[in-house]
Amino acid sequence: MTAEHSPAADDGLDWIRRRGMGALAEKMGIEFTEFTIERAVATMPVEGNTQPVGLLHGGAYVVLGESLGSMAANLHAGPERLAVGVDINATHTRSATSGIVTGVCTPVHLGRSMTVHEIAVTDDQGRRCSTIRITNMIKDR
């Protein structure tokens, strides 16, 4: 991690505000609440993101995970480089039916050309609903 991109030198939430989250994350109601290279946290409402039977859609978990992991990888990559997703997988272990879910993203590997992040998504009661892993390739812009 360079000093330019350390949490002390660059407020991650301000970085997101300047960069933007992307139209899909905004439509889904994703809100970042904490954002550093070491830990990124965001919430998403269940309402409006459900499948026909009222459960949070599995793809919604993945969108939350990819939003967190890709943004964290890009913060790590720095301004002259770009992180792009090359692999993502999710294991859903519980269904959320109301309230909000919270995703906590932590790095597994922060390399020069690749990052791997794990995102644990929990419901309002703190129960894990989904575990997502995303791999991003870092390349020059």
C-alpha atoms as a PDB file:
ATOM      1  CA  MET A   1       0.000   0.000   0.000  1.00  0.00           C
ATOM      2  CA  THR A   2       1.366   3.366  -0.957  1.00  0.00           C
ATOM      3  CA  ALA A   3       1.213   6.351   1.355  1.00  0.00           C
ATOM      4  CA  GLU A   4      -0.922   8.100  -1.247  1.00  0.00           C
ATOM      5  CA  HIS A   5      -3.624   5.465  -0.827  1.00  0.00           C
ATOM      6  CA  SER A   6      -3.366   4.698   2.867  1.00  0.00           C
ATOM      7  CA  PRO A   7      -6.480   5.406   4.944  1.00  0.00           C
ATOM      8  CA  ALA A   8      -4.610   8.253   6.671  1.00  0.00           C
ATOM      9  CA  ALA A   9      -3.788   9.933   3.357  1.00  0.00           C
ATOM     10  CA  ASP A  10      -7.014   9.307   1.441  1.00  0.00           C
ATOM     11  CA  ASP A  11     -10.492   9.134   2.952  1.00  0.00           C
ATOM     12  CA  GLY A  12     -11.969   6.122   1.190  1.00  0.00           C
ATOM     13  CA  LEU A  13     -15.573   7.284   1.478  1.00  0.00           C
ATOM     14  CA  ASP A  14     -14.605  10.605  -0.088  1.00  0.00           C
ATOM     15  CA  TRP A  15     -12.844   8.640  -2.872  1.00  0.00           C
ATOM     16  CA  ILE A  16     -16.114   6.758  -3.550  1.00  0.00           C
ATOM     17  CA  ARG A  17     -18.110   9.993  -3.613  1.00  0.00           C
ATOM     18  CA  ARG A  18     -15.711  11.444  -6.190  1.00  0.00           C
ATOM     19  CA  ARG A  19     -15.624   8.275  -8.330  1.00  0.00           C
ATOM     20  CA  GLY A  20     -19.250   7.216  -7.980  1.00  0.00           C
ATOM     21  CA  MET A  21     -20.624   3.750  -7.233  1.00  0.00           C
ATOM     22  CA  GLY A  22     -22.157   3.032 -10.620  1.00  0.00           C
ATOM     23  CA  ALA A  23     -25.777   3.064 -11.725  1.00  0.00           C
ATOM     24  CA  LEU A  24     -26.599  -0.515 -10.650  1.00  0.00           C
ATOM     25  CA  ALA A  25     -25.335  -0.075  -7.089  1.00  0.00           C
ATOM     26  CA  GLU A  26     -27.305   3.160  -6.813  1.00  0.00           C
ATOM     27  CA  LYS A  27     -30.504   1.538  -8.162  1.00  0.00           C
ATOM     28  CA  MET A  28     -30.162  -1.277  -5.636  1.00  0.00           C
ATOM     29  CA  GLY A  29     -29.785   1.146  -2.730  1.00  0.00           C
ATOM     30  CA  ILE A  30     -26.218   0.146  -1.815  1.00  0.00           C
ATOM     31  CA  GLU A  31     -24.611   2.545   0.654  1.00  0.00           C
ATOM     32  CA  PHE A  32     -20.947   2.415   1.628  1.00  0.00           C
ATOM     33  CA  THR A  33     -20.402   3.078   5.338  1.00  0.00           C
ATOM     34  CA  GLU A  34     -16.692   2.282   5.720  1.00  0.00           C
ATOM     35  CA  PHE A  35     -14.036   2.118   3.038  1.00  0.00           C
ATOM     36  CA  THR A  36     -10.313   1.474   3.357  1.00  0.00           C
ATOM     37  CA  ILE A  37      -7.950  -0.922   1.621  1.00  0.00           C
ATOM     38  CA  GLU A  38      -8.122  -3.231   4.664  1.00  0.00           C
ATOM     39  CA  ARG A  39     -11.920  -3.204   5.154  1.00  0.00           C
ATOM     40  CA  ALA A  40     -14.923  -2.023   3.181  1.00  0.00           C
ATOM     41  CA  VAL A  41     -18.504  -2.126   4.460  1.00  0.00           C
ATOM     42  CA  ALA A  42     -21.764  -1.438   2.644  1.00  0.00           C
ATOM     43  CA  THR A  43     -25.455  -2.017   3.253  1.00  0.00           C
ATOM     44  CA  MET A  44     -28.304  -2.864   0.893  1.00  0.00           C
ATOM     45  CA  PRO A  45     -32.056  -2.999   1.533  1.00  0.00           C
ATOM     46  CA  VAL A  46     -33.852  -6.287   1.011  1.00  0.00           C
ATOM     47  CA  GLU A  47     -36.987  -4.492  -0.191  1.00  0.00           C
ATOM     48  CA  GLY A  48     -36.807  -3.865  -3.920  1.00  0.00           C
ATOM     49  CA  ASN A  49     -34.105  -6.519  -4.402  1.00  0.00           C
ATOM     50  CA  THR A  50     -36.150  -9.695  -3.928  1.00  0.00           C
ATOM     51  CA  GLN A  51     -37.083 -12.637  -6.097  1.00  0.00           C
ATOM     52  CA  PRO A  52     -40.803 -13.413  -6.651  1.00  0.00           C
ATOM     53  CA  VAL A  53     -41.180 -15.412  -3.393  1.00  0.00           C
ATOM     54  CA  GLY A  54     -39.923 -12.512  -1.235  1.00  0.00           C
ATOM     55  CA  LEU A  55     -36.338 -13.643  -0.568  1.00  0.00           C
ATOM     56  CA  LEU A  56     -33.363 -11.410  -1.313  1.00  0.00           C
ATOM     57  CA  HIS A  57     -32.324 -12.364  -4.839  1.00  0.00           C
ATOM     58  CA  GLY A  58     -29.067 -14.347  -4.990  1.00  0.00           C
ATOM     59  CA  GLY A  59     -27.827 -12.014  -7.702  1.00  0.00           C
ATOM     60  CA  ALA A  60     -28.360  -9.060  -5.367  1.00  0.00           C
ATOM     61  CA  TYR A  61     -25.901 -10.584  -2.903  1.00  0.00           C
ATOM     62  CA  VAL A  62     -23.414 -10.897  -5.759  1.00  0.00           C
ATOM     63  CA  VAL A  63     -23.927  -7.286  -6.860  1.00  0.00           C
ATOM     64  CA  LEU A  64     -23.236  -6.134  -3.293  1.00  0.00           C
ATOM     65  CA  GLY A  65     -20.124  -8.327  -3.148  1.00  0.00           C
ATOM     66  CA  GLU A  66     -18.802  -7.221  -6.515  1.00  0.00           C
ATOM     67  CA  SER A  67     -19.438  -3.564  -5.703  1.00  0.00           C
ATOM     68  CA  LEU A  68     -17.414  -3.884  -2.502  1.00  0.00           C
ATOM     69  CA  GLY A  69     -14.620  -6.077  -3.882  1.00  0.00           C
ATOM     70  CA  SER A  70     -14.100  -4.213  -7.138  1.00  0.00           C
ATOM     71  CA  MET A  71     -14.104  -0.797  -5.487  1.00  0.00           C
ATOM     72  CA  ALA A  72     -11.635  -2.029  -2.848  1.00  0.00           C
ATOM     73  CA  ALA A  73      -9.391  -3.476  -5.570  1.00  0.00           C
ATOM     74  CA  ASN A  74      -9.439  -0.172  -7.448  1.00  0.00           C
ATOM     75  CA  LEU A  75      -8.513   1.776  -4.318  1.00  0.00           C
ATOM     76  CA  HIS A  76      -5.565  -0.614  -3.877  1.00  0.00           C
ATOM     77  CA  ALA A  77      -4.600  -0.341  -7.568  1.00  0.00           C
ATOM     78  CA  GLY A  78      -4.096   3.421  -7.453  1.00  0.00           C
ATOM     79  CA  PRO A  79      -4.947   6.182  -9.915  1.00  0.00           C
ATOM     80  CA  GLU A  80      -2.826   4.981 -12.847  1.00  0.00           C
ATOM     81  CA  ARG A  81      -4.163   1.423 -12.793  1.00  0.00           C
ATOM     82  CA  LEU A  82      -7.550  -0.235 -13.162  1.00  0.00           C
ATOM     83  CA  ALA A  83      -8.881  -3.323 -11.398  1.00  0.00           C
ATOM     84  CA  VAL A  84     -11.351  -5.456 -13.359  1.00  0.00           C
ATOM     85  CA  GLY A  85     -13.198  -8.505 -12.122  1.00  0.00           C
ATOM     86  CA  VAL A  86     -12.160 -11.836 -13.614  1.00  0.00           C
ATOM     87  CA  ASP A  87     -13.878 -14.297 -11.258  1.00  0.00           C
ATOM     88  CA  ILE A  88     -16.637 -14.182  -8.664  1.00  0.00           C
ATOM     89  CA  ASN A  89     -18.463 -16.887  -6.750  1.00  0.00           C
ATOM     90  CA  ALA A  90     -21.028 -16.911  -3.984  1.00  0.00           C
ATOM     91  CA  THR A  91     -22.353 -19.436  -1.521  1.00  0.00           C
ATOM     92  CA  HIS A  92     -25.748 -18.506  -0.070  1.00  0.00           C
ATOM     93  CA  THR A  93     -26.389 -20.068   3.332  1.00  0.00           C
ATOM     94  CA  ARG A  94     -29.425 -18.163   4.599  1.00  0.00           C
ATOM     95  CA  SER A  95     -32.231 -16.083   3.107  1.00  0.00           C
ATOM     96  CA  ALA A  96     -32.924 -12.488   4.074  1.00  0.00           C
ATOM     97  CA  THR A  97     -36.585 -11.463   3.762  1.00  0.00           C
ATOM     98  CA  SER A  98     -36.667  -7.958   5.242  1.00  0.00           C
ATOM     99  CA  GLY A  99     -34.530  -5.142   6.595  1.00  0.00           C
ATOM    100  CA  ILE A 100     -31.030  -4.592   5.315  1.00  0.00           C
ATOM    101  CA  VAL A 101     -28.039  -6.791   4.670  1.00  0.00           C
ATOM    102  CA  THR A 102     -24.481  -5.712   5.385  1.00  0.00           C
ATOM    103  CA  GLY A 103     -21.444  -6.744   3.390  1.00  0.00           C
ATOM    104  CA  VAL A 104     -17.988  -6.694   4.972  1.00  0.00           C
ATOM    105  CA  CYS A 105     -15.147  -6.981   2.478  1.00  0.00           C
ATOM    106  CA  THR A 106     -11.635  -7.972   3.498  1.00  0.00           C
ATOM    107  CA  PRO A 107      -8.607  -8.713   1.335  1.00  0.00           C
ATOM    108  CA  VAL A 108      -7.300 -12.243   1.003  1.00  0.00           C
ATOM    109  CA  HIS A 109      -4.506 -11.179  -1.381  1.00  0.00           C
ATOM    110  CA  LEU A 110      -3.355  -7.700  -2.455  1.00  0.00           C
ATOM    111  CA  GLY A 111      -0.803  -8.102  -5.213  1.00  0.00           C
ATOM    112  CA  ARG A 112       0.618  -5.929  -7.961  1.00  0.00           C
ATOM    113  CA  SER A 113      -1.400  -7.602 -10.710  1.00  0.00           C
ATOM    114  CA  MET A 114      -4.206  -9.381  -8.832  1.00  0.00           C
ATOM    115  CA  THR A 115      -6.402  -9.010  -5.771  1.00  0.00           C
ATOM    116  CA  VAL A 116      -8.697 -11.471  -4.034  1.00  0.00           C
ATOM    117  CA  HIS A 117     -11.367 -10.303  -1.581  1.00  0.00           C
ATOM    118  CA  GLU A 118     -13.882 -12.128   0.590  1.00  0.00           C
ATOM    119  CA  ILE A 119     -17.212 -10.522   1.348  1.00  0.00           C
ATOM    120  CA  ALA A 120     -19.369 -11.790   4.226  1.00  0.00           C
ATOM    121  CA  VAL A 121     -22.992 -10.663   3.932  1.00  0.00           C
ATOM    122  CA  THR A 122     -25.103 -10.750   7.081  1.00  0.00           C
ATOM    123  CA  ASP A 123     -28.729  -9.950   7.898  1.00  0.00           C
ATOM    124  CA  ASP A 124     -30.068  -7.570  10.561  1.00  0.00           C
ATOM    125  CA  GLN A 125     -29.496 -10.233  13.237  1.00  0.00           C
ATOM    126  CA  GLY A 126     -25.843 -10.668  12.271  1.00  0.00           C
ATOM    127  CA  ARG A 127     -26.428 -14.089  10.685  1.00  0.00           C
ATOM    128  CA  ARG A 128     -24.318 -14.850   7.622  1.00  0.00           C
ATOM    129  CA  CYS A 129     -26.454 -15.130   4.495  1.00  0.00           C
ATOM    130  CA  SER A 130     -23.808 -15.268   1.769  1.00  0.00           C
ATOM    131  CA  THR A 131     -20.057 -15.593   1.347  1.00  0.00           C
ATOM    132  CA  ILE A 132     -18.642 -14.102  -1.838  1.00  0.00           C
ATOM    133  CA  ARG A 133     -15.124 -14.256  -3.228  1.00  0.00           C
ATOM    134  CA  ILE A 134     -13.991 -11.969  -6.031  1.00  0.00           C
ATOM    135  CA  THR A 135     -10.725 -11.906  -7.969  1.00  0.00           C
ATOM    136  CA  ASN A 136      -9.706  -8.719  -9.786  1.00  0.00           C
ATOM    137  CA  MET A 137      -6.908  -8.307 -12.324  1.00  0.00           C
ATOM    138  CA  ILE A 138      -5.024  -5.016 -12.099  1.00  0.00           C
ATOM    139  CA  LYS A 139      -3.828  -3.473 -15.337  1.00  0.00           C
ATOM    140  CA  ASP A 140      -2.495  -0.153 -16.578  1.00  0.00           C
ATOM    141  CA  ARG A 141      -5.176   2.288 -17.713  1.00  0.00           C
END
